[in-house]
């Protein structure tokens, strides 16, 4: 049960970060690690792909220091989903935490 919650939190955190700035995978990995989510590329990139296929993220490819990198940003649908998740999370916290 805890792992399912963490997986959902990871998706939410990725949407949150991508809503703030257009980021590539290595930067996302650093931000996630700073927030306590230690994720491997084998976890992060499939998640980014699923979020993109769901229409929650968009990406573009550019050359950075001679290497091609893909940058991710939330879509309008992704920002709406993020707002909905924040509301549900706020309700959940209010329901399950002592007063």
C-alpha atoms as a PDB file:
ATOM      1  CA  UNK A   1       0.000   0.000   0.000  1.00  0.00           C
ATOM      2  CA  UNK A   2       2.819   2.396   0.844  1.00  0.00           C
ATOM      3  CA  UNK A   3       4.542   1.690  -2.473  1.00  0.00           C
ATOM      4  CA  UNK A   4       1.353   2.527  -4.396  1.00  0.00           C
ATOM      5  CA  UNK A   5       1.122   5.814  -2.493  1.00  0.00           C
ATOM      6  CA  UNK A   6       4.776   6.595  -3.256  1.00  0.00           C
ATOM      7  CA  UNK A   7       4.263   5.846  -6.952  1.00  0.00           C
ATOM      8  CA  UNK A   8       1.326   8.248  -7.044  1.00  0.00           C
ATOM      9  CA  UNK A   9       3.370  10.851  -5.179  1.00  0.00           C
ATOM     10  CA  UNK A  10       6.166  10.453  -7.729  1.00  0.00           C
ATOM     11  CA  UNK A  11       3.763  11.095 -10.619  1.00  0.00           C
ATOM     12  CA  UNK A  12       2.379  14.127  -8.800  1.00  0.00           C
ATOM     13  CA  UNK A  13       5.880  15.467  -8.083  1.00  0.00           C
ATOM     14  CA  UNK A  14       6.911  15.067 -11.750  1.00  0.00           C
ATOM     15  CA  UNK A  15       3.818  16.981 -12.889  1.00  0.00           C
ATOM     16  CA  UNK A  16       4.526  19.663 -10.281  1.00  0.00           C
ATOM     17  CA  UNK A  17       8.151  20.090 -11.388  1.00  0.00           C
ATOM     18  CA  UNK A  18       7.274  20.093 -15.088  1.00  0.00           C
ATOM     19  CA  UNK A  19       4.609  22.738 -14.430  1.00  0.00           C
ATOM     20  CA  UNK A  20       7.246  25.042 -12.930  1.00  0.00           C
ATOM     21  CA  UNK A  21       9.835  24.767 -15.684  1.00  0.00           C
ATOM     22  CA  UNK A  22      10.749  22.854 -18.816  1.00  0.00           C
ATOM     23  CA  UNK A  23      13.142  20.169 -17.549  1.00  0.00           C
ATOM     24  CA  UNK A  24      15.140  17.272 -18.944  1.00  0.00           C
ATOM     25  CA  UNK A  25      15.462  13.890 -17.265  1.00  0.00           C
ATOM     26  CA  UNK A  26      18.759  14.492 -15.459  1.00  0.00           C
ATOM     27  CA  UNK A  27      17.466  17.698 -13.867  1.00  0.00           C
ATOM     28  CA  UNK A  28      14.207  15.976 -12.925  1.00  0.00           C
ATOM     29  CA  UNK A  29      16.210  13.180 -11.301  1.00  0.00           C
ATOM     30  CA  UNK A  30      18.146  15.722  -9.223  1.00  0.00           C
ATOM     31  CA  UNK A  31      15.007  17.580  -8.124  1.00  0.00           C
ATOM     32  CA  UNK A  32      13.283  14.307  -7.259  1.00  0.00           C
ATOM     33  CA  UNK A  33      16.288  13.117  -5.237  1.00  0.00           C
ATOM     34  CA  UNK A  34      16.308  16.429  -3.354  1.00  0.00           C
ATOM     35  CA  UNK A  35      12.662  15.720  -2.436  1.00  0.00           C
ATOM     36  CA  UNK A  36      13.463  12.189  -1.247  1.00  0.00           C
ATOM     37  CA  UNK A  37      12.476  10.285  -4.413  1.00  0.00           C
ATOM     38  CA  UNK A  38      15.482   8.234  -5.479  1.00  0.00           C
ATOM     39  CA  UNK A  39      14.558   7.117  -8.995  1.00  0.00           C
ATOM     40  CA  UNK A  40      16.590   5.334 -11.616  1.00  0.00           C
ATOM     41  CA  UNK A  41      16.428   6.195 -15.310  1.00  0.00           C
ATOM     42  CA  UNK A  42      14.626   2.861 -15.745  1.00  0.00           C
ATOM     43  CA  UNK A  43      11.828   4.204 -13.560  1.00  0.00           C
ATOM     44  CA  UNK A  44      11.793   7.859 -14.604  1.00  0.00           C
ATOM     45  CA  UNK A  45      11.818   7.612 -18.391  1.00  0.00           C
ATOM     46  CA  UNK A  46       8.967   5.086 -18.680  1.00  0.00           C
ATOM     47  CA  UNK A  47       6.963   7.314 -16.294  1.00  0.00           C
ATOM     48  CA  UNK A  48       7.661  10.374 -18.457  1.00  0.00           C
ATOM     49  CA  UNK A  49       6.616   8.401 -21.535  1.00  0.00           C
ATOM     50  CA  UNK A  50       3.338   7.293 -19.883  1.00  0.00           C
ATOM     51  CA  UNK A  51       2.550  10.842 -18.763  1.00  0.00           C
ATOM     52  CA  UNK A  52       3.264  12.082 -22.276  1.00  0.00           C
ATOM     53  CA  UNK A  53       1.072   9.395 -23.859  1.00  0.00           C
ATOM     54  CA  UNK A  54      -1.719  10.387 -21.451  1.00  0.00           C
ATOM     55  CA  UNK A  55      -1.441  13.962 -22.709  1.00  0.00           C
ATOM     56  CA  UNK A  56      -0.226  15.304 -19.354  1.00  0.00           C
ATOM     57  CA  UNK A  57       3.287  16.180 -20.551  1.00  0.00           C
ATOM     58  CA  UNK A  58       4.728  17.406 -23.816  1.00  0.00           C
ATOM     59  CA  UNK A  59       8.355  17.281 -24.850  1.00  0.00           C
ATOM     60  CA  UNK A  60      10.777  18.752 -27.293  1.00  0.00           C
ATOM     61  CA  UNK A  61      14.260  17.655 -28.265  1.00  0.00           C
ATOM     62  CA  UNK A  62      17.223  20.005 -28.364  1.00  0.00           C
ATOM     63  CA  UNK A  63      21.008  19.767 -28.485  1.00  0.00           C
ATOM     64  CA  UNK A  64      22.736  20.584 -25.196  1.00  0.00           C
ATOM     65  CA  UNK A  65      26.533  20.404 -24.962  1.00  0.00           C
ATOM     66  CA  UNK A  66      26.612  18.411 -28.185  1.00  0.00           C
ATOM     67  CA  UNK A  67      24.040  15.870 -26.953  1.00  0.00           C
ATOM     68  CA  UNK A  68      20.383  15.520 -27.781  1.00  0.00           C
ATOM     69  CA  UNK A  69      18.168  15.948 -24.735  1.00  0.00           C
ATOM     70  CA  UNK A  70      14.420  15.844 -24.364  1.00  0.00           C
ATOM     71  CA  UNK A  71      12.810  18.558 -22.246  1.00  0.00           C
ATOM     72  CA  UNK A  72       9.428  18.009 -20.600  1.00  0.00           C
ATOM     73  CA  UNK A  73       6.679  20.460 -19.675  1.00  0.00           C
ATOM     74  CA  UNK A  74       3.098  19.980 -18.499  1.00  0.00           C
ATOM     75  CA  UNK A  75       0.286  20.462 -20.966  1.00  0.00           C
ATOM     76  CA  UNK A  76      -2.941  22.287 -20.194  1.00  0.00           C
ATOM     77  CA  UNK A  77      -4.464  18.889 -19.418  1.00  0.00           C
ATOM     78  CA  UNK A  78      -1.496  18.130 -17.145  1.00  0.00           C
ATOM     79  CA  UNK A  79      -1.938  21.389 -15.238  1.00  0.00           C
ATOM     80  CA  UNK A  80      -5.648  20.627 -14.743  1.00  0.00           C
ATOM     81  CA  UNK A  81      -4.781  17.122 -13.529  1.00  0.00           C
ATOM     82  CA  UNK A  82      -2.203  18.591 -11.149  1.00  0.00           C
ATOM     83  CA  UNK A  83      -4.776  21.018  -9.724  1.00  0.00           C
ATOM     84  CA  UNK A  84      -7.284  18.175  -9.295  1.00  0.00           C
ATOM     85  CA  UNK A  85      -4.680  16.008  -7.545  1.00  0.00           C
ATOM     86  CA  UNK A  86      -3.717  18.855  -5.229  1.00  0.00           C
ATOM     87  CA  UNK A  87      -7.367  19.275  -4.203  1.00  0.00           C
ATOM     88  CA  UNK A  88      -7.768  15.543  -3.549  1.00  0.00           C
ATOM     89  CA  UNK A  89      -4.508  15.476  -1.597  1.00  0.00           C
ATOM     90  CA  UNK A  90      -5.575  18.446   0.544  1.00  0.00           C
ATOM     91  CA  UNK A  91      -8.881  16.692   1.327  1.00  0.00           C
ATOM     92  CA  UNK A  92      -7.044  13.468   2.158  1.00  0.00           C
ATOM     93  CA  UNK A  93      -4.617  15.206   4.508  1.00  0.00           C
ATOM     94  CA  UNK A  94      -7.511  16.955   6.244  1.00  0.00           C
ATOM     95  CA  UNK A  95      -9.348  13.637   6.645  1.00  0.00           C
ATOM     96  CA  UNK A  96      -6.494  11.478   7.923  1.00  0.00           C
ATOM     97  CA  UNK A  97      -4.458  13.802  10.119  1.00  0.00           C
ATOM     98  CA  UNK A  98      -5.380  14.487  13.736  1.00  0.00           C
ATOM     99  CA  UNK A  99      -6.659  17.917  14.637  1.00  0.00           C
END
